[in-house]
Amino acid sequence: MGKLRLALVLVSLLLTTLILLPLQLFAMRFRPALAARVPMWWQRVAARCLGLRVRIEGAPATDRPLLIVSNHTSWVDIVTLGSLLPVSFIAKSEVGGWPVVKWLARLQRSVFIDRTRRTATAASNSAIAARLASGEALVLFAEGTTGDGITVLPFRSALVGAAREASGADQPITIQPVAIVYVGFQGLPIDRSRMAEIAWHGHMDLAPHLVSLVEIGAVDAVVAFGTPIRFGPDADRKQVTAAAEAEVRAMVRSIRSRGLKNITVMAASPDAPILSETESG
């Protein structure tokens, strides 16, 4: 049964990719607003295939430009958040070299950054600032790496500083803290011993991790949207980053303390309502 489910998932994702690929290539060239939404439709199919069920707390900011600053546990975070909002992700440059994934990341209109070379920081900041200045919503996993799903690592402020380049007296950037927490497998709470089944870190291979999640068949997640922070030209990036980190930590603690209690979930699906009607481009 596990092999059959895996085959169905792969076929579904392949067919969805083949259907949406021409549309996205056209949109990326001629319809930027549509290009922001097409990847969300793909992510919703992926979420359905994984059995991902999402509880939403708070509300996404409607102001643009928007930089979402989130914790990071797994590659699943991209599906979890990407299925809810028309967003693009800020990704490390290594992703641009992974087979298959690199093409999906490019079609998601990800911004690739090189965190290993200081000389690349200015170029990365300029690329992020340009996308924000055009009115887009970007997602930054501010820890700089994936964690264990239990704790939140310190947020890095360097990339948050890219927002300064896009901000101005008449249009400050909105920074929104967001917490992504996985709370259940098949309707049962995830304890510390099973968190490794969702967390993806170190040198773990993607394929086996994907297979194990498909075999689980149902994952309960919570996405909590925190209080938006206005980031103008006079704001201190370290203070803004620290404030976002503190709120994400508080939201993660709150969610984990409640777990599956009173949980009501929204299964991400292709016909689910879009949370933000603001289009970019």
Foldseek 3Di string as FASTA:
>chain_A
DLVVLVVVLVVQLVVLCVVLVVVLVVCVVPNVLVLLCSLLLSLLSNLVSLQEWEDEADADDQDAPEEEEEAAFAPCVCSVVSNAASEAEAEEQVLCVDPPSVVSNVSSVYQYFHPPDPVRLVVSLQVVLVQRLQGGYYYYNQQNFHDLLQAGHQGDLSSVCSQLVNAEPVRFYKYKQKYKHWADQPLHGDDSVRSNLHGDGDPDDDVVSVSSSSSSRHTYMYMYIHDIDTGHNPDDSVVVSVVSSVVNRVVSVVCNVCRCPPDDTHNRHSPDDHRHPDTGD
